[in-house]
Amino acid sequence: MLFMIIERFRDGNTKAVGERFARNGRMMPDDIEYHASWLDEAGTRCFQIVEAPHQELLRTWINRWNDLVEFEVVPVVTSSEFWSKPR
């Protein structure tokens, strides 16, 4: 399954997020595959595409960052997958 992860940095604290990332990396469990990410111009939100067998696996990763980041998890499909199904 693909997921769009929207991260909002608590209190706009990009410094703490950047320091932890530099020190520990993404800290994702092995079953989660990172695809790509983008930040808004202000640096207060990060948008990521990740893949995991099921959504519950994201909980471990989210718990590792929850003190610094608020997460919104949106299950998504590719455009081609969406349009290939009868409507």
C-alpha atoms as a PDB file:
ATOM      1  CA  MET A   1       0.000   0.000   0.000  1.00  0.00           C
ATOM      2  CA  LEU A   2       1.120   3.552  -0.727  1.00  0.00           C
ATOM      3  CA  PHE A   3       0.722   6.344   1.799  1.00  0.00           C
ATOM      4  CA  MET A   4       1.083  10.100   1.586  1.00  0.00           C
ATOM      5  CA  ILE A   5       2.507  11.184   4.920  1.00  0.00           C
ATOM      6  CA  ILE A   6       2.052  14.824   5.829  1.00  0.00           C
ATOM      7  CA  GLU A   7       4.364  15.834   8.653  1.00  0.00           C
ATOM      8  CA  ARG A   8       3.864  19.072  10.528  1.00  0.00           C
ATOM      9  CA  PHE A   9       6.829  20.047  12.667  1.00  0.00           C
ATOM     10  CA  ARG A  10       5.657  20.807  16.198  1.00  0.00           C
ATOM     11  CA  ASP A  11       6.214  24.469  17.086  1.00  0.00           C
ATOM     12  CA  GLY A  12       7.906  24.888  13.680  1.00  0.00           C
ATOM     13  CA  ASN A  13      10.981  23.285  15.241  1.00  0.00           C
ATOM     14  CA  THR A  14      12.911  22.370  12.110  1.00  0.00           C
ATOM     15  CA  LYS A  15      16.231  22.483  13.972  1.00  0.00           C
ATOM     16  CA  ALA A  16      15.334  19.591  16.302  1.00  0.00           C
ATOM     17  CA  VAL A  17      13.877  17.556  13.424  1.00  0.00           C
ATOM     18  CA  GLY A  18      16.972  18.150  11.281  1.00  0.00           C
ATOM     19  CA  GLU A  19      19.345  17.262  14.106  1.00  0.00           C
ATOM     20  CA  ARG A  20      17.560  13.982  14.860  1.00  0.00           C
ATOM     21  CA  PHE A  21      17.412  13.092  11.176  1.00  0.00           C
ATOM     22  CA  ALA A  22      21.152  13.804  10.764  1.00  0.00           C
ATOM     23  CA  ARG A  23      21.907  11.689  13.836  1.00  0.00           C
ATOM     24  CA  ASN A  24      19.495   8.754  13.305  1.00  0.00           C
ATOM     25  CA  GLY A  25      18.182   8.858   9.734  1.00  0.00           C
ATOM     26  CA  ARG A  26      14.490   8.249   9.041  1.00  0.00           C
ATOM     27  CA  MET A  27      14.234   5.521  11.690  1.00  0.00           C
ATOM     28  CA  MET A  28      11.759   3.551   9.566  1.00  0.00           C
ATOM     29  CA  PRO A  29      11.211  -0.148  10.203  1.00  0.00           C
ATOM     30  CA  ASP A  30      12.574  -2.404   7.442  1.00  0.00           C
ATOM     31  CA  ASP A  31       9.081  -3.221   6.148  1.00  0.00           C
ATOM     32  CA  ILE A  32       8.448   0.429   5.189  1.00  0.00           C
ATOM     33  CA  GLU A  33       9.892   1.646   1.906  1.00  0.00           C
ATOM     34  CA  TYR A  34      10.579   5.366   1.489  1.00  0.00           C
ATOM     35  CA  HIS A  35       9.950   6.671  -2.059  1.00  0.00           C
ATOM     36  CA  ALA A  36      10.280  10.484  -2.029  1.00  0.00           C
ATOM     37  CA  SER A  37       9.679  13.614   0.007  1.00  0.00           C
ATOM     38  CA  TRP A  38       9.151  17.347  -0.433  1.00  0.00           C
ATOM     39  CA  LEU A  39       9.047  20.265   2.000  1.00  0.00           C
ATOM     40  CA  ASP A  40       6.948  23.380   1.734  1.00  0.00           C
ATOM     41  CA  GLU A  41       8.894  26.595   1.177  1.00  0.00           C
ATOM     42  CA  ALA A  42       8.530  27.642   4.830  1.00  0.00           C
ATOM     43  CA  GLY A  43      10.013  24.331   5.994  1.00  0.00           C
ATOM     44  CA  THR A  44       7.162  23.615   8.389  1.00  0.00           C
ATOM     45  CA  ARG A  45       5.657  20.606   6.558  1.00  0.00           C
ATOM     46  CA  CYS A  46       7.095  17.580   4.846  1.00  0.00           C
ATOM     47  CA  PHE A  47       5.185  15.461   2.331  1.00  0.00           C
ATOM     48  CA  GLN A  48       6.394  11.889   1.896  1.00  0.00           C
ATOM     49  CA  ILE A  49       5.385   8.891  -0.155  1.00  0.00           C
ATOM     50  CA  VAL A  50       6.063   5.601   1.599  1.00  0.00           C
ATOM     51  CA  GLU A  51       4.999   2.027   0.961  1.00  0.00           C
ATOM     52  CA  ALA A  52       4.109  -0.609   3.543  1.00  0.00           C
ATOM     53  CA  PRO A  53       2.165  -3.876   3.548  1.00  0.00           C
ATOM     54  CA  HIS A  54      -0.426  -2.285   5.838  1.00  0.00           C
ATOM     55  CA  GLN A  55      -0.999   0.993   7.655  1.00  0.00           C
ATOM     56  CA  GLU A  56      -0.429  -0.347  11.181  1.00  0.00           C
ATOM     57  CA  LEU A  57       3.276  -0.816  10.412  1.00  0.00           C
ATOM     58  CA  LEU A  58       3.611   2.973  10.256  1.00  0.00           C
ATOM     59  CA  ARG A  59       2.832   3.230  13.985  1.00  0.00           C
ATOM     60  CA  THR A  60       6.380   2.255  15.080  1.00  0.00           C
ATOM     61  CA  TRP A  61       7.922   4.886  12.839  1.00  0.00           C
ATOM     62  CA  ILE A  62       5.416   7.557  13.886  1.00  0.00           C
ATOM     63  CA  ASN A  63       6.082   6.832  17.565  1.00  0.00           C
ATOM     64  CA  ARG A  64       9.796   7.486  17.042  1.00  0.00           C
ATOM     65  CA  TRP A  65       9.056  11.036  15.827  1.00  0.00           C
ATOM     66  CA  ASN A  66       5.791  11.876  17.590  1.00  0.00           C
ATOM     67  CA  ASP A  67       7.447  14.216  20.103  1.00  0.00           C
ATOM     68  CA  LEU A  68       8.664  16.491  17.268  1.00  0.00           C
ATOM     69  CA  VAL A  69       6.259  15.817  14.407  1.00  0.00           C
ATOM     70  CA  GLU A  70       2.487  15.592  13.994  1.00  0.00           C
ATOM     71  CA  PHE A  71       1.564  13.020  11.337  1.00  0.00           C
ATOM     72  CA  GLU A  72      -1.331  12.766   8.928  1.00  0.00           C
ATOM     73  CA  VAL A  73      -1.454   9.437   7.072  1.00  0.00           C
ATOM     74  CA  VAL A  74      -3.409   9.277   3.807  1.00  0.00           C
ATOM     75  CA  PRO A  75      -3.667   5.958   1.925  1.00  0.00           C
ATOM     76  CA  VAL A  76      -3.228   6.704  -1.802  1.00  0.00           C
ATOM     77  CA  VAL A  77      -3.084   4.880  -5.138  1.00  0.00           C
ATOM     78  CA  THR A  78      -1.309   5.890  -8.313  1.00  0.00           C
ATOM     79  CA  SER A  79      -3.354   7.674 -10.960  1.00  0.00           C
ATOM     80  CA  SER A  80      -2.984   4.749 -13.351  1.00  0.00           C
ATOM     81  CA  GLU A  81      -4.200   2.308 -10.710  1.00  0.00           C
ATOM     82  CA  PHE A  82      -7.183   4.512  -9.901  1.00  0.00           C
ATOM     83  CA  TRP A  83      -8.222   5.000 -13.526  1.00  0.00           C
ATOM     84  CA  SER A  84      -7.737   1.359 -14.476  1.00  0.00           C
ATOM     85  CA  LYS A  85     -10.656   0.323 -12.263  1.00  0.00           C
ATOM     86  CA  PRO A  86     -14.234   0.593 -13.548  1.00  0.00           C
ATOM     87  CA  ARG A  87     -16.089   3.640 -12.236  1.00  0.00           C
END
